[in-house]
Amino acid sequence: FTLSDVFCISRHGGDFRKLMADGLIDIMFANAAEITALMSTEDFDAAVAAAAAEVPMLVVTRSEHGAIAVSGGKTVSVPAEP
């Protein structure tokens, strides 16, 4: 499941959060702006923690900061390539 963009989240965030709560999302892909918008916080770490508690696997891209993947309580960071 991909969040697509912040506009989509602003319109359908409640539906997305319900899908998460109902266990209907196995893997979620997002960027930093999308995950903070979905979880209604500007705190990136808090947004990731909240989302990761709801989905089995979360992958978040962070532009020049690379990406992270969270699954089973473990976080893996991947640096950006020049």
PDB file of N, CA and C in Angstrom:
ATOM      1  N   PHE A   1       0.852  -1.165   0.000  1.00  0.00           N
ATOM      2  CA  PHE A   1       0.000   0.000   0.000  1.00  0.00           C
ATOM      3  C   PHE A   1       0.892   1.219   0.000  1.00  0.00           C
ATOM      4  N   THR A   2       0.662   2.159  -0.918  1.00  0.00           N
ATOM      5  CA  THR A   2       1.435   3.393  -0.947  1.00  0.00           C
ATOM      6  C   THR A   2       0.513   4.573  -0.685  1.00  0.00           C
ATOM      7  N   LEU A   3       1.024   5.541   0.046  1.00  0.00           N
ATOM      8  CA  LEU A   3       0.199   6.686   0.427  1.00  0.00           C
ATOM      9  C   LEU A   3       0.012   7.691  -0.700  1.00  0.00           C
ATOM     10  N   SER A   4       0.812   7.653  -1.718  1.00  0.00           N
ATOM     11  CA  SER A   4       0.668   8.461  -2.939  1.00  0.00           C
ATOM     12  C   SER A   4       1.105   9.906  -2.791  1.00  0.00           C
ATOM     13  N   ASP A   5       0.411  10.726  -2.026  1.00  0.00           N
ATOM     14  CA  ASP A   5       0.856  12.100  -1.780  1.00  0.00           C
ATOM     15  C   ASP A   5       0.055  12.711  -0.636  1.00  0.00           C
ATOM     16  N   VAL A   6       0.531  13.852  -0.145  1.00  0.00           N
ATOM     17  CA  VAL A   6      -0.086  14.494   1.017  1.00  0.00           C
ATOM     18  C   VAL A   6      -1.525  14.908   0.722  1.00  0.00           C
ATOM     19  N   PHE A   7      -1.817  15.342  -0.499  1.00  0.00           N
ATOM     20  CA  PHE A   7      -3.187  15.724  -0.852  1.00  0.00           C
ATOM     21  C   PHE A   7      -4.131  14.536  -0.683  1.00  0.00           C
ATOM     22  N   CYS A   8      -3.706  13.390  -1.145  1.00  0.00           N
ATOM     23  CA  CYS A   8      -4.517  12.173  -1.016  1.00  0.00           C
ATOM     24  C   CYS A   8      -4.753  11.849   0.463  1.00  0.00           C
ATOM     25  N   ILE A   9      -3.740  12.032   1.279  1.00  0.00           N
ATOM     26  CA  ILE A   9      -3.874  11.771   2.715  1.00  0.00           C
ATOM     27  C   ILE A   9      -4.826  12.767   3.357  1.00  0.00           C
ATOM     28  N   SER A  10      -4.757  14.027   2.939  1.00  0.00           N
ATOM     29  CA  SER A  10      -5.651  15.028   3.530  1.00  0.00           C
ATOM     30  C   SER A  10      -7.111  14.693   3.247  1.00  0.00           C
ATOM     31  N   ARG A  11      -7.375  14.063   2.144  1.00  0.00           N
ATOM     32  CA  ARG A  11      -8.751  13.690   1.794  1.00  0.00           C
ATOM     33  C   ARG A  11      -9.166  12.332   2.355  1.00  0.00           C
ATOM     34  N   HIS A  12      -8.230  11.401   2.452  1.00  0.00           N
ATOM     35  CA  HIS A  12      -8.587  10.017   2.784  1.00  0.00           C
ATOM     36  C   HIS A  12      -7.822   9.449   3.979  1.00  0.00           C
ATOM     37  N   GLY A  13      -7.159  10.306   4.733  1.00  0.00           N
ATOM     38  CA  GLY A  13      -6.350   9.836   5.861  1.00  0.00           C
ATOM     39  C   GLY A  13      -7.127   8.991   6.853  1.00  0.00           C
ATOM     40  N   GLY A  14      -8.351   9.390   7.148  1.00  0.00           N
ATOM     41  CA  GLY A  14      -9.178   8.608   8.070  1.00  0.00           C
ATOM     42  C   GLY A  14      -9.428   7.201   7.561  1.00  0.00           C
ATOM     43  N   ASP A  15      -9.688   7.095   6.267  1.00  0.00           N
ATOM     44  CA  ASP A  15      -9.891   5.774   5.657  1.00  0.00           C
ATOM     45  C   ASP A  15      -8.612   4.941   5.723  1.00  0.00           C
ATOM     46  N   PHE A  16      -7.469   5.591   5.448  1.00  0.00           N
ATOM     47  CA  PHE A  16      -6.192   4.874   5.498  1.00  0.00           C
ATOM     48  C   PHE A  16      -5.905   4.385   6.914  1.00  0.00           C
ATOM     49  N   ARG A  17      -6.142   5.251   7.913  1.00  0.00           N
ATOM     50  CA  ARG A  17      -5.906   4.853   9.304  1.00  0.00           C
ATOM     51  C   ARG A  17      -6.831   3.700   9.711  1.00  0.00           C
ATOM     52  N   LYS A  18      -8.053   3.689   9.199  1.00  0.00           N
ATOM     53  CA  LYS A  18      -8.975   2.581   9.492  1.00  0.00           C
ATOM     54  C   LYS A  18      -8.464   1.282   8.871  1.00  0.00           C
ATOM     55  N   LEU A  19      -7.973   1.348   7.641  1.00  0.00           N
ATOM     56  CA  LEU A  19      -7.392   0.159   7.015  1.00  0.00           C
ATOM     57  C   LEU A  19      -6.238  -0.381   7.855  1.00  0.00           C
ATOM     58  N   MET A  20      -5.415   0.539   8.363  1.00  0.00           N
ATOM     59  CA  MET A  20      -4.293   0.130   9.213  1.00  0.00           C
ATOM     60  C   MET A  20      -4.808  -0.539  10.484  1.00  0.00           C
ATOM     61  N   ALA A  21      -5.739   0.111  11.162  1.00  0.00           N
ATOM     62  CA  ALA A  21      -6.277  -0.401  12.428  1.00  0.00           C
ATOM     63  C   ALA A  21      -6.971  -1.746  12.247  1.00  0.00           C
ATOM     64  N   ASP A  22      -7.577  -1.943  11.091  1.00  0.00           N
ATOM     65  CA  ASP A  22      -8.278  -3.198  10.807  1.00  0.00           C
ATOM     66  C   ASP A  22      -7.335  -4.309  10.338  1.00  0.00           C
ATOM     67  N   GLY A  23      -6.037  -4.011  10.254  1.00  0.00           N
ATOM     68  CA  GLY A  23      -5.060  -5.016   9.846  1.00  0.00           C
ATOM     69  C   GLY A  23      -5.091  -5.361   8.380  1.00  0.00           C
ATOM     70  N   LEU A  24      -5.571  -4.437   7.557  1.00  0.00           N
ATOM     71  CA  LEU A  24      -5.719  -4.712   6.129  1.00  0.00           C
ATOM     72  C   LEU A  24      -4.536  -4.240   5.286  1.00  0.00           C
ATOM     73  N   ILE A  25      -3.524  -3.686   5.931  1.00  0.00           N
ATOM     74  CA  ILE A  25      -2.325  -3.258   5.210  1.00  0.00           C
ATOM     75  C   ILE A  25      -1.145  -4.071   5.728  1.00  0.00           C
ATOM     76  N   ASP A  26      -0.488  -4.813   4.836  1.00  0.00           N
ATOM     77  CA  ASP A  26       0.673  -5.621   5.210  1.00  0.00           C
ATOM     78  C   ASP A  26       1.971  -4.845   5.084  1.00  0.00           C
ATOM     79  N   ILE A  27       2.087  -4.086   4.005  1.00  0.00           N
ATOM     80  CA  ILE A  27       3.295  -3.308   3.736  1.00  0.00           C
ATOM     81  C   ILE A  27       2.860  -1.908   3.346  1.00  0.00           C
ATOM     82  N   MET A  28       3.450  -0.910   3.993  1.00  0.00           N
ATOM     83  CA  MET A  28       3.124   0.479   3.663  1.00  0.00           C
ATOM     84  C   MET A  28       4.391   1.191   3.196  1.00  0.00           C
ATOM     85  N   PHE A  29       4.274   1.905   2.075  1.00  0.00           N
ATOM     86  CA  PHE A  29       5.340   2.734   1.538  1.00  0.00           C
ATOM     87  C   PHE A  29       4.917   4.190   1.648  1.00  0.00           C
ATOM     88  N   ALA A  30       5.833   5.039   2.102  1.00  0.00           N
ATOM     89  CA  ALA A  30       5.535   6.466   2.243  1.00  0.00           C
ATOM     90  C   ALA A  30       6.831   7.253   2.170  1.00  0.00           C
ATOM     91  N   ASN A  31       6.686   8.564   2.014  1.00  0.00           N
ATOM     92  CA  ASN A  31       7.840   9.431   2.217  1.00  0.00           C
ATOM     93  C   ASN A  31       7.635  10.150   3.546  1.00  0.00           C
ATOM     94  N   ALA A  32       8.606  10.941   3.960  1.00  0.00           N
ATOM     95  CA  ALA A  32       8.550  11.582   5.278  1.00  0.00           C
ATOM     96  C   ALA A  32       7.335  12.499   5.421  1.00  0.00           C
ATOM     97  N   ALA A  33       7.028  13.278   4.407  1.00  0.00           N
ATOM     98  CA  ALA A  33       5.881  14.191   4.475  1.00  0.00           C
ATOM     99  C   ALA A  33       4.571  13.418   4.572  1.00  0.00           C
ATOM    100  N   GLU A  34       4.478  12.323   3.849  1.00  0.00           N
ATOM    101  CA  GLU A  34       3.247  11.527   3.857  1.00  0.00           C
ATOM    102  C   GLU A  34       3.012  10.855   5.206  1.00  0.00           C
ATOM    103  N   ILE A  35       4.062  10.290   5.798  1.00  0.00           N
ATOM    104  CA  ILE A  35       3.868   9.567   7.054  1.00  0.00           C
ATOM    105  C   ILE A  35       3.542  10.528   8.192  1.00  0.00           C
ATOM    106  N   THR A  36       4.155  11.710   8.198  1.00  0.00           N
ATOM    107  CA  THR A  36       3.825  12.680   9.252  1.00  0.00           C
ATOM    108  C   THR A  36       2.410  13.219   9.058  1.00  0.00           C
ATOM    109  N   ALA A  37       1.985  13.404   7.824  1.00  0.00           N
ATOM    110  CA  ALA A  37       0.608  13.854   7.573  1.00  0.00           C
ATOM    111  C   ALA A  37      -0.389  12.782   7.997  1.00  0.00           C
ATOM    112  N   LEU A  38      -0.115  11.544   7.641  1.00  0.00           N
ATOM    113  CA  LEU A  38      -1.031  10.458   7.982  1.00  0.00           C
ATOM    114  C   LEU A  38      -1.186  10.308   9.489  1.00  0.00           C
ATOM    115  N   MET A  39      -0.085  10.433  10.211  1.00  0.00           N
ATOM    116  CA  MET A  39      -0.126  10.219  11.652  1.00  0.00           C
ATOM    117  C   MET A  39      -0.366  11.522  12.424  1.00  0.00           C
ATOM    118  N   SER A  40      -0.647  12.599  11.710  1.00  0.00           N
ATOM    119  CA  SER A  40      -1.028  13.896  12.302  1.00  0.00           C
ATOM    120  C   SER A  40      -0.001  14.434  13.292  1.00  0.00           C
ATOM    121  N   THR A  41       1.261  14.374  12.901  1.00  0.00           N
ATOM    122  CA  THR A  41       2.324  14.936  13.725  1.00  0.00           C
ATOM    123  C   THR A  41       3.455  15.404  12.828  1.00  0.00           C
ATOM    124  N   GLU A  42       4.175  16.426  13.267  1.00  0.00           N
ATOM    125  CA  GLU A  42       5.349  16.881  12.527  1.00  0.00           C
ATOM    126  C   GLU A  42       6.608  16.154  12.992  1.00  0.00           C
ATOM    127  N   ASP A  43       6.488  15.370  14.047  1.00  0.00           N
ATOM    128  CA  ASP A  43       7.615  14.619  14.605  1.00  0.00           C
ATOM    129  C   ASP A  43       7.785  13.320  13.807  1.00  0.00           C
ATOM    130  N   PHE A  44       8.820  13.282  12.985  1.00  0.00           N
ATOM    131  CA  PHE A  44       9.035  12.136  12.105  1.00  0.00           C
ATOM    132  C   PHE A  44       9.140  10.828  12.887  1.00  0.00           C
ATOM    133  N   ASP A  45       9.949  10.820  13.940  1.00  0.00           N
ATOM    134  CA  ASP A  45      10.144   9.589  14.706  1.00  0.00           C
ATOM    135  C   ASP A  45       8.844   9.103  15.340  1.00  0.00           C
ATOM    136  N   ALA A  46       8.049  10.035  15.855  1.00  0.00           N
ATOM    137  CA  ALA A  46       6.759   9.668  16.452  1.00  0.00           C
ATOM    138  C   ALA A  46       5.809   9.120  15.394  1.00  0.00           C
ATOM    139  N   ALA A  47       5.819   9.722  14.210  1.00  0.00           N
ATOM    140  CA  ALA A  47       4.958   9.255  13.122  1.00  0.00           C
ATOM    141  C   ALA A  47       5.339   7.843  12.700  1.00  0.00           C
ATOM    142  N   VAL A  48       6.627   7.602  12.562  1.00  0.00           N
ATOM    143  CA  VAL A  48       7.094   6.270  12.171  1.00  0.00           C
ATOM    144  C   VAL A  48       6.727   5.244  13.239  1.00  0.00           C
ATOM    145  N   ALA A  49       6.949   5.578  14.499  1.00  0.00           N
ATOM    146  CA  ALA A  49       6.628   4.644  15.584  1.00  0.00           C
ATOM    147  C   ALA A  49       5.139   4.314  15.600  1.00  0.00           C
ATOM    148  N   ALA A  50       4.307   5.322  15.431  1.00  0.00           N
ATOM    149  CA  ALA A  50       2.856   5.106  15.448  1.00  0.00           C
ATOM    150  C   ALA A  50       2.410   4.252  14.268  1.00  0.00           C
ATOM    151  N   ALA A  51       2.925   4.549  13.086  1.00  0.00           N
ATOM    152  CA  ALA A  51       2.544   3.777  11.901  1.00  0.00           C
ATOM    153  C   ALA A  51       3.075   2.348  11.987  1.00  0.00           C
ATOM    154  N   ALA A  52       4.315   2.199  12.453  1.00  0.00           N
ATOM    155  CA  ALA A  52       4.920   0.867  12.547  1.00  0.00           C
ATOM    156  C   ALA A  52       4.180  -0.024  13.543  1.00  0.00           C
ATOM    157  N   ALA A  53       3.516   0.577  14.500  1.00  0.00           N
ATOM    158  CA  ALA A  53       2.728  -0.195  15.462  1.00  0.00           C
ATOM    159  C   ALA A  53       1.449  -0.750  14.829  1.00  0.00           C
ATOM    160  N   GLU A  54       1.083  -0.220  13.666  1.00  0.00           N
ATOM    161  CA  GLU A  54      -0.175  -0.604  13.010  1.00  0.00           C
ATOM    162  C   GLU A  54      -0.001  -1.494  11.784  1.00  0.00           C
ATOM    163  N   VAL A  55       1.188  -1.497  11.192  1.00  0.00           N
ATOM    164  CA  VAL A  55       1.408  -2.295   9.980  1.00  0.00           C
ATOM    165  C   VAL A  55       2.627  -3.201  10.176  1.00  0.00           C
ATOM    166  N   PRO A  56       2.606  -4.404   9.608  1.00  0.00           N
ATOM    167  CA  PRO A  56       3.729  -5.329   9.789  1.00  0.00           C
ATOM    168  C   PRO A  56       5.048  -4.846   9.190  1.00  0.00           C
ATOM    169  N   MET A  57       4.986  -4.107   8.083  1.00  0.00           N
ATOM    170  CA  MET A  57       6.205  -3.578   7.477  1.00  0.00           C
ATOM    171  C   MET A  57       5.946  -2.170   6.968  1.00  0.00           C
ATOM    172  N   LEU A  58       6.841  -1.267   7.350  1.00  0.00           N
ATOM    173  CA  LEU A  58       6.753   0.132   6.940  1.00  0.00           C
ATOM    174  C   LEU A  58       8.062   0.522   6.280  1.00  0.00           C
ATOM    175  N   VAL A  59       7.982   1.140   5.107  1.00  0.00           N
ATOM    176  CA  VAL A  59       9.156   1.652   4.406  1.00  0.00           C
ATOM    177  C   VAL A  59       8.923   3.131   4.147  1.00  0.00           C
ATOM    178  N   VAL A  60       9.878   3.960   4.599  1.00  0.00           N
ATOM    179  CA  VAL A  60       9.733   5.408   4.457  1.00  0.00           C
ATOM    180  C   VAL A  60      10.985   5.977   3.805  1.00  0.00           C
ATOM    181  N   THR A  61      10.800   6.687   2.708  1.00  0.00           N
ATOM    182  CA  THR A  61      11.915   7.376   2.064  1.00  0.00           C
ATOM    183  C   THR A  61      12.075   8.746   2.699  1.00  0.00           C
ATOM    184  N   ARG A  62      13.346   9.200   2.756  1.00  0.00           N
ATOM    185  CA  ARG A  62      13.652  10.460   3.430  1.00  0.00           C
ATOM    186  C   ARG A  62      14.543  11.358   2.576  1.00  0.00           C
ATOM    187  N   SER A  63      14.356  11.338   1.276  1.00  0.00           N
ATOM    188  CA  SER A  63      15.104  12.189   0.366  1.00  0.00           C
ATOM    189  C   SER A  63      16.607  12.002   0.582  1.00  0.00           C
ATOM    190  N   GLU A  64      17.328  13.080   0.856  1.00  0.00           N
ATOM    191  CA  GLU A  64      18.783  13.008   1.007  1.00  0.00           C
ATOM    192  C   GLU A  64      19.220  12.232   2.247  1.00  0.00           C
ATOM    193  N   HIS A  65      18.272  11.867   3.106  1.00  0.00           N
ATOM    194  CA  HIS A  65      18.583  11.098   4.313  1.00  0.00           C
ATOM    195  C   HIS A  65      18.400   9.596   4.097  1.00  0.00           C
ATOM    196  N   GLY A  66      18.118   9.184   2.883  1.00  0.00           N
ATOM    197  CA  GLY A  66      17.975   7.770   2.573  1.00  0.00           C
ATOM    198  C   GLY A  66      16.585   7.244   2.854  1.00  0.00           C
ATOM    199  N   ALA A  67      16.514   6.063   3.408  1.00  0.00           N
ATOM    200  CA  ALA A  67      15.223   5.426   3.689  1.00  0.00           C
ATOM    201  C   ALA A  67      15.354   4.556   4.926  1.00  0.00           C
ATOM    202  N   ILE A  68      14.198   4.239   5.515  1.00  0.00           N
ATOM    203  CA  ILE A  68      14.178   3.297   6.627  1.00  0.00           C
ATOM    204  C   ILE A  68      13.104   2.254   6.359  1.00  0.00           C
ATOM    205  N   ALA A  69      13.324   1.085   6.909  1.00  0.00           N
ATOM    206  CA  ALA A  69      12.320   0.025   6.888  1.00  0.00           C
ATOM    207  C   ALA A  69      12.149  -0.446   8.326  1.00  0.00           C
ATOM    208  N   VAL A  70      10.896  -0.605   8.740  1.00  0.00           N
ATOM    209  CA  VAL A  70      10.597  -1.049  10.100  1.00  0.00           C
ATOM    210  C   VAL A  70       9.694  -2.271  10.014  1.00  0.00           C
ATOM    211  N   SER A  71      10.116  -3.339  10.695  1.00  0.00           N
ATOM    212  CA  SER A  71       9.317  -4.566  10.718  1.00  0.00           C
ATOM    213  C   SER A  71       9.696  -5.375  11.954  1.00  0.00           C
ATOM    214  N   GLY A  72       8.711  -5.883  12.637  1.00  0.00           N
ATOM    215  CA  GLY A  72       8.979  -6.727  13.792  1.00  0.00           C
ATOM    216  C   GLY A  72       9.783  -6.045  14.877  1.00  0.00           C
ATOM    217  N   GLY A  73       9.622  -4.740  15.017  1.00  0.00           N
ATOM    218  CA  GLY A  73      10.352  -4.002  16.040  1.00  0.00           C
ATOM    219  C   GLY A  73      11.779  -3.652  15.668  1.00  0.00           C
ATOM    220  N   LYS A  74      12.210  -4.037  14.489  1.00  0.00           N
ATOM    221  CA  LYS A  74      13.569  -3.733  14.026  1.00  0.00           C
ATOM    222  C   LYS A  74      13.515  -2.662  12.952  1.00  0.00           C
ATOM    223  N   THR A  75      14.485  -1.760  12.998  1.00  0.00           N
ATOM    224  CA  THR A  75      14.582  -0.687  12.009  1.00  0.00           C
ATOM    225  C   THR A  75      15.899  -0.814  11.263  1.00  0.00           C
ATOM    226  N   VAL A  76      15.824  -0.737   9.948  1.00  0.00           N
ATOM    227  CA  VAL A  76      17.008  -0.751   9.096  1.00  0.00           C
ATOM    228  C   VAL A  76      17.041   0.561   8.340  1.00  0.00           C
ATOM    229  N   SER A  77      18.188   1.235   8.386  1.00  0.00           N
ATOM    230  CA  SER A  77      18.369   2.491   7.656  1.00  0.00           C
ATOM    231  C   SER A  77      19.256   2.248   6.447  1.00  0.00           C
ATOM    232  N   VAL A  78      18.913   2.900   5.355  1.00  0.00           N
ATOM    233  CA  VAL A  78      19.696   2.812   4.128  1.00  0.00           C
ATOM    234  C   VAL A  78      20.060   4.230   3.723  1.00  0.00           C
ATOM    235  N   PRO A  79      21.356   4.533   3.581  1.00  0.00           N
ATOM    236  CA  PRO A  79      21.741   5.889   3.207  1.00  0.00           C
ATOM    237  C   PRO A  79      21.367   6.203   1.762  1.00  0.00           C
ATOM    238  N   ALA A  80      21.220   7.486   1.497  1.00  0.00           N
ATOM    239  CA  ALA A  80      20.973   7.940   0.125  1.00  0.00           C
ATOM    240  C   ALA A  80      22.254   7.785  -0.679  1.00  0.00           C
ATOM    241  N   GLU A  81      22.106   7.514  -1.934  1.00  0.00           N
ATOM    242  CA  GLU A  81      23.252   7.428  -2.840  1.00  0.00           C
ATOM    243  C   GLU A  81      23.373   8.741  -3.597  1.00  0.00           C
ATOM    244  N   PRO A  82      24.597   9.211  -3.773  1.00  0.00           N
ATOM    245  CA  PRO A  82      24.758  10.484  -4.517  1.00  0.00           C
ATOM    246  C   PRO A  82      24.386  10.349  -5.978  1.00  0.00           C
TER     247      PRO A  82
END
